[in-house]
Amino acid sequence: VVRQDGLLASQAGTAEEYNKTLASLRQALAQGDLDDRVLAARRIAAILAWIRDVENGKATVPEAIRPVMNQKYVLGLLGMALRDQADVVRAEMITALQ
């Protein structure tokens, strides 16, 4: 999902694009409709999987993103999804992490 969304594509792999993506996920969780929040949960899980792959040496971080990559921020988004009022958003977040 991360690569398909273009976050890591060479033309979009900038610090600004990464920050915009995280901000849009936060906004979707805070203000989005149910579909937006479920999709945000899936994308957050994909970003966390990518971060885990980076830590395990299975993936790399584009140079432009490295200075702004913040796992704690993404974990905060995970927490937001797990606190969502809708059971389906919480379930999607848990399922997507597996």
Protein backbone atom coordinates (compact mmCIF):
# COMPACT_ATOMS: atom_id res chain seq x y z
CA VAL A 1 0.00 0.00 0.00
CA VAL A 2 2.77 2.43 0.85
CA ARG A 3 4.49 1.95 -2.48
CA GLN A 4 1.19 1.81 -4.37
CA ASP A 5 0.12 5.12 -2.84
CA GLY A 6 3.27 6.69 -4.20
CA LEU A 7 4.78 7.59 -0.85
CA LEU A 8 8.00 5.88 -1.79
CA ALA A 9 7.89 6.50 -5.50
CA SER A 10 10.90 8.46 -6.68
CA GLN A 11 8.83 11.43 -7.82
CA ALA A 12 6.93 11.61 -4.51
CA GLY A 13 9.54 10.40 -2.04
CA THR A 14 10.20 13.78 -0.48
CA ALA A 15 10.09 14.84 3.15
CA GLU A 16 7.23 17.19 2.34
CA GLU A 17 5.19 14.41 0.70
CA TYR A 18 5.86 12.04 3.60
CA ASN A 19 4.74 14.68 6.12
CA LYS A 20 1.64 15.47 4.04
CA THR A 21 0.78 11.79 3.93
CA LEU A 22 1.03 11.44 7.71
CA ALA A 23 -0.98 14.63 8.21
CA SER A 24 -3.69 13.37 5.86
CA LEU A 25 -3.88 10.10 7.81
CA ARG A 26 -4.27 12.02 11.07
CA GLN A 27 -6.99 14.16 9.50
CA ALA A 28 -8.79 11.09 8.14
CA LEU A 29 -8.80 9.51 11.59
CA ALA A 30 -9.94 12.70 13.30
CA GLN A 31 -12.50 13.97 10.80
CA GLY A 32 -13.06 11.36 8.12
CA ASP A 33 -16.11 9.24 7.53
CA LEU A 34 -16.01 5.54 8.33
CA ASP A 35 -14.52 4.53 4.96
CA ASP A 36 -11.76 7.13 5.30
CA ARG A 37 -10.88 5.94 8.80
CA VAL A 38 -10.75 2.27 7.76
CA LEU A 39 -8.49 3.14 4.82
CA ALA A 40 -6.28 5.25 7.09
CA ALA A 41 -5.90 2.28 9.45
CA ARG A 42 -4.74 0.09 6.56
CA ARG A 43 -2.25 2.71 5.41
CA ILE A 44 -0.87 3.20 8.92
CA ALA A 45 -0.32 -0.56 9.18
CA ALA A 46 1.48 -0.52 5.82
CA ILE A 47 3.78 2.30 6.96
CA LEU A 48 4.54 0.44 10.20
CA ALA A 49 5.31 -2.72 8.21
CA TRP A 50 7.66 -0.71 6.01
CA ILE A 51 9.39 0.77 9.08
CA ARG A 52 9.78 -2.76 10.48
CA ASP A 53 11.26 -3.90 7.14
CA VAL A 54 13.70 -0.98 7.26
CA GLU A 55 14.75 -1.96 10.78
CA ASN A 56 15.26 -5.57 9.62
CA GLY A 57 17.29 -4.52 6.57
CA LYS A 58 14.63 -5.68 4.11
CA ALA A 59 13.80 -2.18 2.85
CA THR A 60 15.49 1.17 2.59
CA VAL A 61 14.44 4.72 3.36
CA PRO A 62 14.78 7.30 0.61
CA GLU A 63 17.45 9.85 1.58
CA ALA A 64 14.93 12.70 1.47
CA ILE A 65 12.62 11.02 3.98
CA ARG A 66 15.24 9.78 6.46
CA PRO A 67 15.54 13.09 8.41
CA VAL A 68 11.78 13.35 8.99
CA MET A 69 10.91 9.70 9.50
CA ASN A 70 9.40 9.44 12.97
CA GLN A 71 8.20 6.06 14.19
CA LYS A 72 6.70 7.58 17.35
CA TYR A 73 4.40 9.78 15.26
CA VAL A 74 3.20 6.76 13.28
CA LEU A 75 2.67 4.84 16.52
CA GLY A 76 0.56 7.79 17.69
CA LEU A 77 -1.58 7.35 14.59
CA LEU A 78 -1.87 3.65 15.46
CA GLY A 79 -3.13 4.67 18.89
CA MET A 80 -5.68 7.01 17.34
CA ALA A 81 -7.01 4.19 15.17
CA LEU A 82 -7.20 1.83 18.14
CA ARG A 83 -9.20 4.45 20.07
CA ASP A 84 -11.65 5.05 17.21
CA GLN A 85 -15.31 4.95 18.20
CA ALA A 86 -16.12 2.42 15.46
CA ASP A 87 -15.39 -1.23 16.13
CA VAL A 88 -14.65 -1.80 12.46
CA VAL A 89 -11.81 0.76 12.44
CA ARG A 90 -10.23 -0.78 15.53
CA ALA A 91 -10.64 -4.26 14.06
CA GLU A 92 -9.13 -3.18 10.73
CA MET A 93 -6.13 -1.70 12.51
CA ILE A 94 -5.52 -4.89 14.49
CA THR A 95 -6.08 -7.14 11.48
CA ALA A 96 -3.84 -5.08 9.23
CA LEU A 97 -0.96 -5.35 11.71
CA GLN A 98 -0.87 -9.13 11.48
